[in-house]
Amino acid sequence: MSGRVVQLAISRGGVPKLPIDEARVGTYGIEGDRQRWKKIHGGPKRALCLFSAELIDDLRAEGHPIAPGATGENVTIAGIDWSAIDSGTRLSIGEVIAQLTFVAEPCKQIAACFVGRDFRRLDRGAPRWYARVVRAGLVRVGDPVAIT
C-alpha cells in the first residue's frame, strides 16, 4: 500500500507545528524543528512524529477542531493502512526511511484540538507514531510514502 505526504510541519517548540513545503530530515528529525520538552519529545528514537490524514478527517467529522500539525506531528500522511503497522515497521517517505519506534502518548498540550479538551481521544484508535530516521534525506509535500 502506498500513500503520500499531505503536510510537513515544524515549530520553534510546542504546538501547533506550522506547514512547510519541504524538509531535510536527519537523525534528530526535520531541520529547523524544535521541541520544548526534550525529556519526552525529540531525540533519535522520536526524531519524527507521524499521523494519519484520514484519522484527522475522522476526528474533524466527530466535531474536534483538529488540523494537520496541531497535535505536534511533523509528517501527516494519507493513504497508509495504519492498522497494518506496528513498532519496527519501516516507511519510505520521499528519500527518507523511517522506522516506527512507539506510539506518541497524548498530553494536555494538545487538548485544544479536542471537544471538551478530551486529548485522550487519541488513546481510542487514533495514535500518532514516533519514528527514528534510518536513512536521512529530503522530503516534500506530495512525496510517496510506502511500508517497506
Protein backbone atom coordinates (compact mmCIF):
# COMPACT_ATOMS: atom_id res chain seq x y z
CA MET A 1 0.00 0.00 0.00
CA SER A 2 1.32 3.43 -0.83
CA GLY A 3 0.42 6.85 0.39
CA ARG A 4 1.65 10.40 0.17
CA VAL A 5 2.88 13.22 2.36
CA VAL A 6 -0.01 15.63 2.96
CA GLN A 7 1.84 18.05 5.23
CA LEU A 8 5.27 18.62 6.75
CA ALA A 9 5.38 20.79 9.85
CA ILE A 10 7.85 22.38 12.26
CA SER A 11 7.80 24.72 15.24
CA ARG A 12 10.19 26.58 17.50
CA GLY A 13 8.87 24.42 20.33
CA GLY A 14 5.34 23.43 21.20
CA VAL A 15 2.17 23.15 19.17
CA PRO A 16 0.86 23.70 16.66
CA LYS A 17 3.60 22.87 14.22
CA LEU A 18 3.29 25.00 11.09
CA PRO A 19 3.37 23.79 7.49
CA ILE A 20 6.44 23.83 5.26
CA ASP A 21 6.80 22.62 1.66
CA GLU A 22 9.95 20.53 2.04
CA ALA A 23 12.34 19.40 4.72
CA ARG A 24 15.79 17.96 5.13
CA VAL A 25 15.48 15.10 7.62
CA GLY A 26 18.37 13.76 9.69
CA THR A 27 18.97 11.59 12.74
CA TYR A 28 17.28 14.13 15.03
CA GLY A 29 14.36 14.88 12.72
CA ILE A 30 13.42 17.78 10.49
CA GLU A 31 15.97 20.58 10.30
CA GLY A 32 14.61 23.69 12.00
CA ASP A 33 12.12 21.83 14.20
CA ARG A 34 12.43 22.27 17.96
CA GLN A 35 10.87 20.54 20.93
CA ARG A 36 10.12 22.30 24.19
CA TRP A 37 10.08 19.20 26.44
CA LYS A 38 13.23 17.26 25.49
CA LYS A 39 12.64 14.51 28.06
CA ILE A 40 9.54 13.32 26.21
CA HIS A 41 9.92 14.71 22.65
CA GLY A 42 12.73 14.61 20.12
CA GLY A 43 15.95 12.64 20.10
CA PRO A 44 16.91 9.80 17.78
CA LYS A 45 14.07 7.45 18.82
CA ARG A 46 11.50 10.25 18.46
CA ALA A 47 13.03 12.08 15.50
CA LEU A 48 9.71 12.26 13.65
CA CYS A 49 6.09 12.24 14.74
CA LEU A 50 3.74 10.78 12.11
CA PHE A 51 -0.03 10.99 11.91
CA SER A 52 -2.77 9.90 9.52
CA ALA A 53 -4.61 12.48 7.40
CA GLU A 54 -7.62 10.15 7.35
CA LEU A 55 -7.70 9.99 11.16
CA ILE A 56 -7.56 13.78 11.31
CA ASP A 57 -10.53 13.87 8.90
CA ASP A 58 -12.41 11.33 11.06
CA LEU A 59 -11.74 13.39 14.20
CA ARG A 60 -12.98 16.53 12.42
CA ALA A 61 -16.15 14.65 11.43
CA GLU A 62 -16.67 13.93 15.15
CA GLY A 63 -16.54 17.70 15.72
CA HIS A 64 -12.98 18.04 17.01
CA PRO A 65 -11.18 21.28 15.99
CA ILE A 66 -8.05 19.45 14.83
CA ALA A 67 -5.82 20.15 11.83
CA PRO A 68 -2.58 18.72 10.44
CA GLY A 69 0.34 19.74 12.68
CA ALA A 70 -1.92 20.75 15.56
CA THR A 71 -1.06 17.75 17.72
CA GLY A 72 2.68 18.10 17.16
CA GLU A 73 3.17 15.74 14.24
CA ASN A 74 5.89 16.57 11.72
CA VAL A 75 4.59 14.40 8.89
CA THR A 76 0.92 13.97 8.04
CA ILE A 77 0.37 11.02 5.70
CA ALA A 78 -2.62 9.92 3.60
CA GLY A 79 -3.19 6.51 2.05
CA ILE A 80 -1.43 4.19 4.50
CA ASP A 81 -3.25 1.35 6.28
CA TRP A 82 -2.34 2.38 9.84
CA SER A 83 -3.86 -0.83 11.22
CA ALA A 84 -1.16 -2.77 9.36
CA ILE A 85 1.76 -1.07 11.11
CA ASP A 86 3.42 -1.55 14.46
CA SER A 87 6.64 -0.76 16.25
CA GLY A 88 9.52 -1.69 13.96
CA THR A 89 7.63 -1.03 10.72
CA ARG A 90 9.68 0.90 8.18
CA LEU A 91 8.24 3.56 5.93
CA SER A 92 9.84 5.18 2.93
CA ILE A 93 8.90 8.85 2.97
CA GLY A 94 10.36 10.62 -0.05
CA GLU A 95 14.12 9.98 0.23
CA VAL A 96 13.83 9.11 3.94
CA ILE A 97 13.47 5.70 5.56
CA ALA A 98 11.84 5.94 8.99
CA GLN A 99 11.28 3.10 11.46
CA LEU A 100 8.37 3.33 13.87
CA THR A 101 9.51 3.17 17.49
CA PHE A 102 6.41 3.69 19.64
CA VAL A 103 3.07 5.46 19.90
CA ALA A 104 3.30 9.14 20.85
CA GLU A 105 1.30 9.46 24.05
CA PRO A 106 -1.22 12.32 24.02
CA CYS A 107 -0.79 15.13 26.53
CA LYS A 108 -2.64 18.19 27.77
CA GLN A 109 -0.65 20.44 25.40
CA ILE A 110 -2.89 19.23 22.54
CA ALA A 111 -6.19 19.47 24.46
CA ALA A 112 -7.43 22.42 22.39
CA CYS A 113 -7.66 20.06 19.39
CA PHE A 114 -10.49 18.11 21.01
CA VAL A 115 -14.07 18.74 22.06
CA GLY A 116 -14.18 19.01 25.82
CA ARG A 117 -10.36 19.09 25.78
CA ASP A 118 -10.51 15.26 25.60
CA PHE A 119 -6.94 14.75 24.33
CA ARG A 120 -7.20 11.11 25.45
CA ARG A 121 -9.39 10.61 22.36
CA LEU A 122 -6.11 9.65 20.67
CA ASP A 123 -5.90 6.63 23.00
CA ARG A 124 -9.05 5.30 21.37
CA GLY A 125 -7.95 4.20 17.91
CA ALA A 126 -6.15 7.30 16.65
CA PRO A 127 -2.46 7.06 17.58
CA ARG A 128 0.37 9.22 16.37
CA TRP A 129 3.67 7.40 15.92
CA TYR A 130 7.24 8.33 16.74
CA ALA A 131 9.93 7.13 14.35
CA ARG A 132 13.69 7.05 14.13
CA VAL A 133 15.42 8.01 10.90
CA VAL A 134 17.19 5.05 9.29
CA ARG A 135 18.14 6.95 6.13
CA ALA A 136 18.32 10.74 6.03
CA GLY A 137 17.19 12.77 3.05
CA LEU A 138 14.79 15.29 1.58
CA VAL A 139 11.01 15.07 1.91
CA ARG A 140 8.48 17.22 0.08
CA VAL A 141 4.73 17.60 0.37
CA GLY A 142 3.23 15.16 -2.14
CA ASP A 143 6.11 12.67 -1.92
CA PRO A 144 5.20 8.98 -1.92
CA VAL A 145 5.02 7.01 1.33
CA ALA A 146 5.18 3.23 1.43
CA ILE A 147 5.50 0.48 4.00
CA THR A 148 8.85 -1.19 3.23
